Amino acid sequence: MLTLVNEARAAAGCAPVAADAALAAVARAHSADMRDRGYFSHTTSEGLSPFDRAEAAGITYARAENIAYGQPDATAVMDAWMSSSGHRANILDCTLTRLGVGVAEGAGGPWWTQLFGA
């Protein structure tokens, strides 16, 4: 996923994002939560936004989130995100410098989360 994101960013003239383990942990937890509790949203049933979830993990630099489910692999989900103006804007935002990716496998999934930071 990181390679695909950075290829798209390079084509748009953006610097690459770096893998970020802390953002990835939050992204993985969100993907698993969506799978386990049967919802699809940036906001949890408790009302926590991506930024609330990041802050709870001690992260102050989260800036954007993309989510998806059902695409079988990274190429398919990147194709879907790049075909969506909002998701594409996040991926190609040159001010973002870090990326954490979370994937949760399961029936109806996988569930994908990209959490970007700056």
N, C-alpha and C. Protein backbone atom coordinates (compact mmCIF):
# COMPACT_ATOMS: atom_id res chain seq x y z
N MET A 1 0.83 -1.19 0.00
CA MET A 1 0.00 0.00 0.00
C MET A 1 0.87 1.25 0.00
N LEU A 2 1.90 1.28 0.82
CA LEU A 2 2.77 2.45 0.88
C LEU A 2 3.39 2.73 -0.49
N THR A 3 3.83 1.70 -1.17
CA THR A 3 4.41 1.86 -2.50
C THR A 3 3.40 2.45 -3.46
N LEU A 4 2.17 1.94 -3.45
CA LEU A 4 1.13 2.45 -4.35
C LEU A 4 0.80 3.91 -4.05
N VAL A 5 0.70 4.24 -2.78
CA VAL A 5 0.43 5.63 -2.41
C VAL A 5 1.56 6.53 -2.90
N ASN A 6 2.78 6.11 -2.67
CA ASN A 6 3.91 6.95 -3.06
C ASN A 6 4.08 7.05 -4.57
N GLU A 7 3.70 6.02 -5.31
CA GLU A 7 3.70 6.11 -6.77
C GLU A 7 2.70 7.16 -7.24
N ALA A 8 1.50 7.15 -6.65
CA ALA A 8 0.48 8.14 -7.02
C ALA A 8 0.93 9.54 -6.64
N ARG A 9 1.54 9.68 -5.48
CA ARG A 9 2.02 10.99 -5.05
C ARG A 9 3.13 11.50 -5.96
N ALA A 10 4.04 10.62 -6.34
CA ALA A 10 5.14 11.03 -7.22
C ALA A 10 4.59 11.53 -8.55
N ALA A 11 3.60 10.84 -9.09
CA ALA A 11 3.00 11.24 -10.37
C ALA A 11 2.33 12.61 -10.26
N ALA A 12 1.91 12.98 -9.04
CA ALA A 12 1.26 14.27 -8.83
C ALA A 12 2.25 15.35 -8.37
N GLY A 13 3.52 14.97 -8.23
CA GLY A 13 4.54 15.93 -7.82
C GLY A 13 4.70 16.09 -6.33
N CYS A 14 4.16 15.16 -5.56
CA CYS A 14 4.29 15.21 -4.09
C CYS A 14 5.46 14.36 -3.62
N ALA A 15 6.03 14.74 -2.50
CA ALA A 15 7.04 13.91 -1.85
C ALA A 15 6.37 12.65 -1.30
N PRO A 16 7.12 11.58 -1.11
CA PRO A 16 6.53 10.37 -0.54
C PRO A 16 6.14 10.56 0.92
N VAL A 17 5.19 9.74 1.36
CA VAL A 17 4.88 9.65 2.78
C VAL A 17 5.74 8.53 3.36
N ALA A 18 6.05 8.65 4.63
CA ALA A 18 6.82 7.62 5.34
C ALA A 18 5.86 6.75 6.15
N ALA A 19 6.19 5.48 6.25
CA ALA A 19 5.41 4.58 7.10
C ALA A 19 5.52 5.05 8.54
N ASP A 20 4.39 5.02 9.25
CA ASP A 20 4.35 5.46 10.64
C ASP A 20 3.67 4.37 11.47
N ALA A 21 4.42 3.76 12.36
CA ALA A 21 3.91 2.64 13.15
C ALA A 21 2.78 3.05 14.08
N ALA A 22 2.86 4.23 14.65
CA ALA A 22 1.80 4.68 15.57
C ALA A 22 0.49 4.91 14.82
N LEU A 23 0.57 5.56 13.67
CA LEU A 23 -0.64 5.74 12.85
C LEU A 23 -1.18 4.40 12.39
N ALA A 24 -0.29 3.47 12.05
CA ALA A 24 -0.73 2.14 11.60
C ALA A 24 -1.47 1.40 12.71
N ALA A 25 -1.02 1.53 13.95
CA ALA A 25 -1.71 0.87 15.06
C ALA A 25 -3.13 1.39 15.21
N VAL A 26 -3.32 2.69 15.08
CA VAL A 26 -4.66 3.27 15.17
C VAL A 26 -5.50 2.83 13.97
N ALA A 27 -4.90 2.80 12.79
CA ALA A 27 -5.62 2.37 11.58
C ALA A 27 -6.03 0.91 11.69
N ARG A 28 -5.13 0.05 12.16
CA ARG A 28 -5.46 -1.37 12.32
C ARG A 28 -6.60 -1.55 13.32
N ALA A 29 -6.54 -0.81 14.41
CA ALA A 29 -7.60 -0.92 15.42
C ALA A 29 -8.94 -0.48 14.85
N HIS A 30 -8.96 0.56 14.01
CA HIS A 30 -10.22 1.02 13.44
C HIS A 30 -10.77 0.01 12.45
N SER A 31 -9.90 -0.54 11.61
CA SER A 31 -10.36 -1.57 10.66
C SER A 31 -10.97 -2.75 11.41
N ALA A 32 -10.30 -3.20 12.46
CA ALA A 32 -10.80 -4.34 13.25
C ALA A 32 -12.11 -3.98 13.94
N ASP A 33 -12.22 -2.76 14.45
CA ASP A 33 -13.44 -2.33 15.13
C ASP A 33 -14.61 -2.31 14.16
N MET A 34 -14.40 -1.76 12.95
CA MET A 34 -15.49 -1.76 11.97
C MET A 34 -15.92 -3.19 11.66
N ARG A 35 -14.96 -4.09 11.46
CA ARG A 35 -15.28 -5.49 11.18
C ARG A 35 -16.03 -6.12 12.36
N ASP A 36 -15.49 -5.96 13.55
CA ASP A 36 -16.02 -6.66 14.72
C ASP A 36 -17.39 -6.15 15.14
N ARG A 37 -17.65 -4.85 14.93
CA ARG A 37 -18.92 -4.28 15.38
C ARG A 37 -19.87 -3.98 14.23
N GLY A 38 -19.48 -4.37 13.01
CA GLY A 38 -20.39 -4.33 11.87
C GLY A 38 -20.84 -2.95 11.45
N TYR A 39 -19.91 -2.02 11.34
CA TYR A 39 -20.25 -0.70 10.83
C TYR A 39 -19.19 -0.26 9.83
N PHE A 40 -19.48 0.81 9.11
CA PHE A 40 -18.53 1.38 8.15
C PHE A 40 -18.64 2.89 8.25
N SER A 41 -17.72 3.50 8.97
CA SER A 41 -17.77 4.94 9.19
C SER A 41 -16.43 5.42 9.72
N HIS A 42 -16.16 6.69 9.50
CA HIS A 42 -14.98 7.31 10.10
C HIS A 42 -15.20 7.51 11.60
N THR A 43 -16.45 7.53 12.02
CA THR A 43 -16.80 7.80 13.41
C THR A 43 -17.32 6.52 14.07
N THR A 44 -16.77 6.20 15.25
CA THR A 44 -17.22 5.00 15.97
C THR A 44 -18.61 5.21 16.54
N SER A 45 -19.22 4.15 17.02
CA SER A 45 -20.55 4.27 17.61
C SER A 45 -20.54 5.12 18.88
N GLU A 46 -19.35 5.30 19.47
CA GLU A 46 -19.22 6.19 20.64
C GLU A 46 -19.01 7.64 20.22
N GLY A 47 -18.94 7.88 18.91
CA GLY A 47 -18.77 9.24 18.42
C GLY A 47 -17.33 9.68 18.28
N LEU A 48 -16.39 8.75 18.32
CA LEU A 48 -14.97 9.10 18.21
C LEU A 48 -14.56 9.24 16.75
N SER A 49 -14.01 10.38 16.41
CA SER A 49 -13.52 10.64 15.06
C SER A 49 -12.12 10.04 14.90
N PRO A 50 -11.59 10.04 13.68
CA PRO A 50 -10.21 9.58 13.50
C PRO A 50 -9.22 10.35 14.38
N PHE A 51 -9.48 11.62 14.55
CA PHE A 51 -8.57 12.46 15.33
C PHE A 51 -8.71 12.20 16.82
N ASP A 52 -9.94 11.90 17.27
CA ASP A 52 -10.14 11.49 18.66
C ASP A 52 -9.41 10.19 18.94
N ARG A 53 -9.55 9.22 18.02
CA ARG A 53 -8.90 7.92 18.20
C ARG A 53 -7.38 8.06 18.22
N ALA A 54 -6.86 8.91 17.33
CA ALA A 54 -5.41 9.15 17.30
C ALA A 54 -4.95 9.82 18.59
N GLU A 55 -5.68 10.83 19.03
CA GLU A 55 -5.30 11.54 20.25
C GLU A 55 -5.30 10.61 21.45
N ALA A 56 -6.28 9.70 21.50
CA ALA A 56 -6.33 8.74 22.61
C ALA A 56 -5.09 7.84 22.62
N ALA A 57 -4.47 7.68 21.46
CA ALA A 57 -3.24 6.88 21.35
C ALA A 57 -1.99 7.75 21.50
N GLY A 58 -2.18 9.03 21.84
CA GLY A 58 -1.05 9.92 22.04
C GLY A 58 -0.51 10.55 20.77
N ILE A 59 -1.28 10.51 19.69
CA ILE A 59 -0.85 11.04 18.39
C ILE A 59 -1.53 12.39 18.17
N THR A 60 -0.73 13.41 17.95
CA THR A 60 -1.27 14.76 17.75
C THR A 60 -1.18 15.23 16.31
N TYR A 61 -0.63 14.40 15.43
CA TYR A 61 -0.35 14.84 14.06
C TYR A 61 -1.21 14.14 13.01
N ALA A 62 -2.27 13.43 13.39
CA ALA A 62 -3.18 12.81 12.41
C ALA A 62 -3.95 13.92 11.70
N ARG A 63 -4.08 13.79 10.37
CA ARG A 63 -4.72 14.85 9.59
C ARG A 63 -5.82 14.39 8.63
N ALA A 64 -5.82 13.12 8.20
CA ALA A 64 -6.80 12.67 7.21
C ALA A 64 -6.93 11.15 7.29
N GLU A 65 -8.12 10.66 6.95
CA GLU A 65 -8.35 9.22 6.98
C GLU A 65 -9.14 8.80 5.75
N ASN A 66 -8.75 7.67 5.17
CA ASN A 66 -9.52 7.00 4.12
C ASN A 66 -9.93 5.63 4.65
N ILE A 67 -11.17 5.23 4.39
CA ILE A 67 -11.62 3.89 4.74
C ILE A 67 -12.29 3.25 3.53
N ALA A 68 -12.29 1.94 3.52
CA ALA A 68 -12.95 1.17 2.45
C ALA A 68 -13.19 -0.23 2.97
N TYR A 69 -14.07 -0.97 2.30
CA TYR A 69 -14.19 -2.39 2.62
C TYR A 69 -14.62 -3.16 1.39
N GLY A 70 -14.20 -4.42 1.37
CA GLY A 70 -14.61 -5.33 0.31
C GLY A 70 -13.62 -5.48 -0.83
N GLN A 71 -12.73 -4.52 -1.02
CA GLN A 71 -11.75 -4.66 -2.09
C GLN A 71 -10.74 -5.74 -1.69
N PRO A 72 -10.41 -6.66 -2.60
CA PRO A 72 -9.64 -7.84 -2.21
C PRO A 72 -8.16 -7.60 -1.94
N ASP A 73 -7.61 -6.51 -2.47
CA ASP A 73 -6.18 -6.29 -2.29
C ASP A 73 -5.87 -4.79 -2.37
N ALA A 74 -4.60 -4.47 -2.10
CA ALA A 74 -4.20 -3.06 -2.05
C ALA A 74 -4.40 -2.35 -3.39
N THR A 75 -4.14 -3.03 -4.48
CA THR A 75 -4.33 -2.41 -5.79
C THR A 75 -5.79 -2.05 -6.02
N ALA A 76 -6.69 -2.94 -5.68
CA ALA A 76 -8.12 -2.68 -5.88
C ALA A 76 -8.61 -1.53 -5.01
N VAL A 77 -8.18 -1.49 -3.76
CA VAL A 77 -8.64 -0.41 -2.89
C VAL A 77 -8.03 0.92 -3.31
N MET A 78 -6.79 0.93 -3.75
CA MET A 78 -6.19 2.17 -4.24
C MET A 78 -6.91 2.65 -5.50
N ASP A 79 -7.28 1.74 -6.39
CA ASP A 79 -8.05 2.13 -7.58
C ASP A 79 -9.36 2.80 -7.17
N ALA A 80 -10.03 2.23 -6.17
CA ALA A 80 -11.29 2.80 -5.70
C ALA A 80 -11.07 4.17 -5.08
N TRP A 81 -10.07 4.29 -4.24
CA TRP A 81 -9.80 5.59 -3.61
C TRP A 81 -9.38 6.64 -4.63
N MET A 82 -8.58 6.27 -5.61
CA MET A 82 -8.14 7.25 -6.60
C MET A 82 -9.27 7.66 -7.54
N SER A 83 -10.37 6.88 -7.56
CA SER A 83 -11.54 7.23 -8.37
C SER A 83 -12.54 8.07 -7.59
N SER A 84 -12.24 8.36 -6.34
CA SER A 84 -13.11 9.15 -5.47
C SER A 84 -12.39 10.47 -5.15
N SER A 85 -13.04 11.58 -5.43
CA SER A 85 -12.35 12.87 -5.30
C SER A 85 -11.85 13.14 -3.88
N GLY A 86 -12.64 12.82 -2.87
CA GLY A 86 -12.21 13.07 -1.50
C GLY A 86 -11.05 12.21 -1.06
N HIS A 87 -11.14 10.92 -1.38
CA HIS A 87 -10.05 10.00 -1.02
C HIS A 87 -8.78 10.34 -1.78
N ARG A 88 -8.95 10.64 -3.06
CA ARG A 88 -7.81 11.02 -3.89
C ARG A 88 -7.13 12.28 -3.34
N ALA A 89 -7.94 13.24 -2.91
CA ALA A 89 -7.38 14.47 -2.35
C ALA A 89 -6.52 14.18 -1.12
N ASN A 90 -6.96 13.26 -0.28
CA ASN A 90 -6.14 12.89 0.89
C ASN A 90 -4.82 12.27 0.45
N ILE A 91 -4.87 11.35 -0.48
CA ILE A 91 -3.67 10.65 -0.93
C ILE A 91 -2.69 11.63 -1.58
N LEU A 92 -3.23 12.60 -2.31
CA LEU A 92 -2.37 13.53 -3.05
C LEU A 92 -2.16 14.86 -2.33
N ASP A 93 -2.46 14.92 -1.06
CA ASP A 93 -2.22 16.13 -0.27
C ASP A 93 -0.73 16.19 0.05
N CYS A 94 -0.02 17.08 -0.60
CA CYS A 94 1.44 17.16 -0.46
C CYS A 94 1.88 17.61 0.93
N THR A 95 0.97 18.13 1.75
CA THR A 95 1.34 18.53 3.11
C THR A 95 1.39 17.34 4.06
N LEU A 96 0.82 16.21 3.67
CA LEU A 96 0.85 15.02 4.51
C LEU A 96 2.16 14.30 4.31
N THR A 97 2.76 13.83 5.39
CA THR A 97 4.11 13.26 5.33
C THR A 97 4.23 11.86 5.90
N ARG A 98 3.19 11.38 6.57
CA ARG A 98 3.24 10.07 7.23
C ARG A 98 1.97 9.29 6.90
N LEU A 99 2.09 7.96 6.95
CA LEU A 99 0.94 7.11 6.65
C LEU A 99 0.99 5.85 7.50
N GLY A 100 -0.15 5.52 8.08
CA GLY A 100 -0.35 4.23 8.72
C GLY A 100 -1.50 3.52 8.04
N VAL A 101 -1.34 2.24 7.79
CA VAL A 101 -2.37 1.45 7.10
C VAL A 101 -2.83 0.32 8.00
N GLY A 102 -4.13 0.11 8.04
CA GLY A 102 -4.70 -1.00 8.78
C GLY A 102 -5.62 -1.81 7.90
N VAL A 103 -5.51 -3.13 7.99
CA VAL A 103 -6.36 -4.05 7.23
C VAL A 103 -6.88 -5.10 8.19
N ALA A 104 -8.17 -5.35 8.15
CA ALA A 104 -8.78 -6.41 8.96
C ALA A 104 -9.52 -7.36 8.03
N GLU A 105 -9.12 -8.59 8.03
CA GLU A 105 -9.76 -9.62 7.21
C GLU A 105 -11.03 -10.11 7.90
N GLY A 106 -11.98 -10.58 7.10
CA GLY A 106 -13.19 -11.15 7.64
C GLY A 106 -14.26 -11.24 6.57
N ALA A 107 -15.33 -11.94 6.88
CA ALA A 107 -16.45 -12.07 5.95
C ALA A 107 -16.97 -10.69 5.59
N GLY A 108 -17.10 -10.43 4.28
CA GLY A 108 -17.56 -9.12 3.82
C GLY A 108 -16.45 -8.11 3.66
N GLY A 109 -15.27 -8.45 4.09
CA GLY A 109 -14.13 -7.51 4.05
C GLY A 109 -13.20 -7.83 2.91
N PRO A 110 -11.99 -7.44 3.02
CA PRO A 110 -11.36 -6.81 4.19
C PRO A 110 -11.76 -5.34 4.37
N TRP A 111 -11.52 -4.85 5.58
CA TRP A 111 -11.74 -3.47 5.93
C TRP A 111 -10.39 -2.77 5.89
N TRP A 112 -10.34 -1.64 5.22
CA TRP A 112 -9.10 -0.90 5.00
C TRP A 112 -9.18 0.47 5.66
N THR A 113 -8.10 0.88 6.29
CA THR A 113 -8.00 2.23 6.84
C THR A 113 -6.63 2.79 6.51
N GLN A 114 -6.60 3.98 5.97
CA GLN A 114 -5.37 4.76 5.81
C GLN A 114 -5.51 5.96 6.76
N LEU A 115 -4.52 6.16 7.61
CA LEU A 115 -4.50 7.31 8.50
C LEU A 115 -3.24 8.11 8.20
N PHE A 116 -3.43 9.32 7.71
CA PHE A 116 -2.33 10.19 7.31
C PHE A 116 -1.98 11.17 8.41
N GLY A 117 -0.72 11.53 8.47
CA GLY A 117 -0.28 12.53 9.43
C GLY A 117 0.65 13.53 8.78
N ALA A 118 0.88 14.63 9.49
CA ALA A 118 1.79 15.68 9.02
C ALA A 118 2.63 16.17 10.17
